[in-house]
Protein backbone atom coordinates (compact mmCIF):
# COMPACT_ATOMS: atom_id res chain seq x y z
CA MET A 1 9.74 9.22 -2.38
CA ILE A 2 7.49 6.55 -3.53
CA ALA A 3 4.32 7.41 -5.22
CA LEU A 4 1.71 4.41 -5.25
CA PRO A 5 -1.19 4.73 -6.94
CA GLU A 6 -4.69 5.47 -4.76
CA VAL A 7 -6.48 2.35 -4.89
CA VAL A 8 -3.37 0.80 -3.69
CA ALA A 9 -2.96 3.13 -1.06
CA VAL A 10 -6.23 2.71 0.08
CA ALA A 11 -6.38 -1.03 0.03
CA MET A 12 -3.05 -1.21 1.61
CA GLN A 13 -4.40 1.05 4.69
CA MET A 14 -7.53 -0.49 5.04
CA GLY A 15 -5.29 -4.29 5.04
CA LEU A 16 -2.62 -2.91 7.43
CA ARG A 17 -5.93 -2.25 9.89
CA GLU A 18 -7.00 -5.23 9.70
CA PRO A 19 -7.31 -8.02 12.97
CA GLY A 20 -4.66 -10.66 13.14
CA VAL A 21 -2.43 -9.01 10.09
CA VAL A 22 0.69 -8.67 10.84
CA ILE A 23 3.58 -6.99 9.22
CA GLY A 24 6.87 -8.09 8.16
CA ALA A 25 10.01 -7.05 5.63
CA GLY A 26 12.01 -9.28 3.11
CA ALA A 27 8.95 -11.40 2.20
CA TYR A 28 5.61 -10.68 0.54
CA GLU A 29 3.81 -13.45 2.92
CA THR A 30 5.77 -15.96 5.73
CA GLU A 31 3.68 -17.73 8.24
CA LEU A 32 4.08 -15.55 10.23
CA ALA A 33 3.96 -12.42 8.74
CA MET A 34 3.24 -10.24 5.34
CA CYS A 35 4.35 -7.38 3.85
CA PRO A 36 2.25 -3.72 3.23
CA ILE A 37 1.63 -5.32 -0.92
CA ALA A 38 0.15 -8.87 0.63
CA ALA A 39 -2.31 -6.64 3.14
CA ALA A 40 -3.66 -4.38 0.44
CA VAL A 41 -3.97 -7.21 -1.44
CA ARG A 42 -5.96 -9.49 1.05
CA HIS A 43 -8.10 -6.97 1.73
CA ALA A 44 -8.57 -6.16 -1.89
CA GLU A 45 -9.79 -9.77 -2.73
CA GLN A 46 -12.39 -10.23 0.21
CA PRO A 47 -15.97 -10.33 -1.14
CA GLY A 48 -17.68 -8.23 -0.99
CA ASN A 49 -14.48 -5.74 -1.75
CA SER A 50 -15.02 -4.86 -6.09
CA ASP A 51 -12.40 -5.11 -8.36
CA SER A 52 -13.76 -1.51 -10.85
CA GLY A 53 -11.10 -2.69 -13.62
CA TRP A 54 -8.13 -1.17 -15.01
CA ASP A 55 -7.84 3.03 -15.07
CA ALA A 56 -6.00 4.70 -17.62
CA SER A 57 -5.16 7.27 -15.47
CA TRP A 58 -2.56 4.19 -12.76
CA GLY A 59 -0.56 4.40 -15.88
CA THR A 60 0.64 1.17 -17.98
CA ARG A 61 0.69 -2.13 -16.18
CA ASP A 62 3.84 -2.36 -16.47
CA GLU A 63 4.51 1.56 -14.68
CA PHE A 64 1.78 0.63 -12.29
CA ARG A 65 4.03 -2.74 -11.31
CA HIS A 66 7.62 -0.81 -11.10
CA ARG A 67 5.45 1.56 -9.00
CA VAL A 68 4.74 -1.09 -6.25
CA LEU A 69 7.58 -2.84 -6.56
CA ASP A 70 9.77 0.20 -5.63
CA PHE A 71 7.31 1.07 -2.63
CA VAL A 72 8.61 -2.84 -1.13
CA ASP A 73 11.95 -2.33 -1.75
CA ALA A 74 11.53 1.07 -0.24
CA PHE A 75 9.47 -0.04 2.49
CA ASP A 76 12.37 -3.22 3.29
CA SER A 77 14.84 -0.52 3.15
CA CYS A 78 13.25 1.47 5.82
CA ALA A 79 12.39 -1.79 7.89
CA GLU A 80 15.98 -2.83 7.97
CA VAL A 81 17.52 0.75 8.96
CA ALA A 82 15.35 2.31 11.14
CA GLY A 83 13.70 -1.01 12.19
CA LEU A 84 10.20 -3.03 11.74
CA ASP A 85 7.76 -0.98 14.33
CA MET A 86 9.25 2.44 13.17
CA ALA A 87 8.45 1.43 8.64
CA VAL A 88 4.87 0.25 9.49
CA ARG A 89 4.84 3.50 11.79
CA VAL A 90 6.06 6.02 9.48
CA LEU A 91 3.54 3.71 6.62
CA GLN A 92 0.28 4.26 8.38
CA ASN A 93 0.91 7.69 9.30
CA THR A 94 1.60 8.64 5.96
CA LEU A 95 -0.74 6.93 4.42
CA ASP A 96 -3.80 8.24 7.30
CA ARG A 97 -2.62 12.09 6.37
CA ALA A 98 -2.74 10.77 2.51
CA ARG A 99 -6.30 9.84 2.68
CA THR A 100 -7.67 13.14 5.44
CA LYS A 101 -6.35 15.64 2.39
CA GLN A 102 -7.67 13.54 -0.39
CA PRO A 103 -11.45 14.15 -0.98
CA SER A 104 -12.94 10.36 -1.93
CA THR A 105 -13.80 10.85 -5.47
CA ARG A 106 -13.10 9.18 -8.59
CA ALA A 107 -10.49 11.95 -9.16
CA ALA A 108 -8.74 11.40 -6.21
CA GLU A 109 -8.20 8.08 -7.09
CA ALA A 110 -6.27 8.80 -10.17
CA LYS A 111 -3.44 10.80 -7.40
CA PRO A 112 -0.40 8.76 -5.92
CA THR A 113 -0.21 9.09 -2.70
CA ARG A 114 3.75 9.60 -1.84
CA LEU A 115 5.21 7.47 0.47
CA LEU A 116 8.30 7.10 2.09
């Protein structure tokens, strides 16, 4: 099971729901699609979305990067084995369940969301 920092999981959940976003696997972003991490970054970089700075509860930047890369590998593997549509559905359902279980507080942002 992969655990992503809550801030990434929330941005990913919102990014997956944006109109026109087509999710793909095997590459960060192409002319046709983007991976879930790219969708999260795209959402987070929109005007009006604040950058709260680095939170030590996310671990070191290197630990954070490794968790994100672990997720990318797991998502690509899931898409390869089960198909892209199933991988996206599993991801969306997992994000939805995780968000309904956690209150929207700063403490909740520190807890990782377990995915895939």
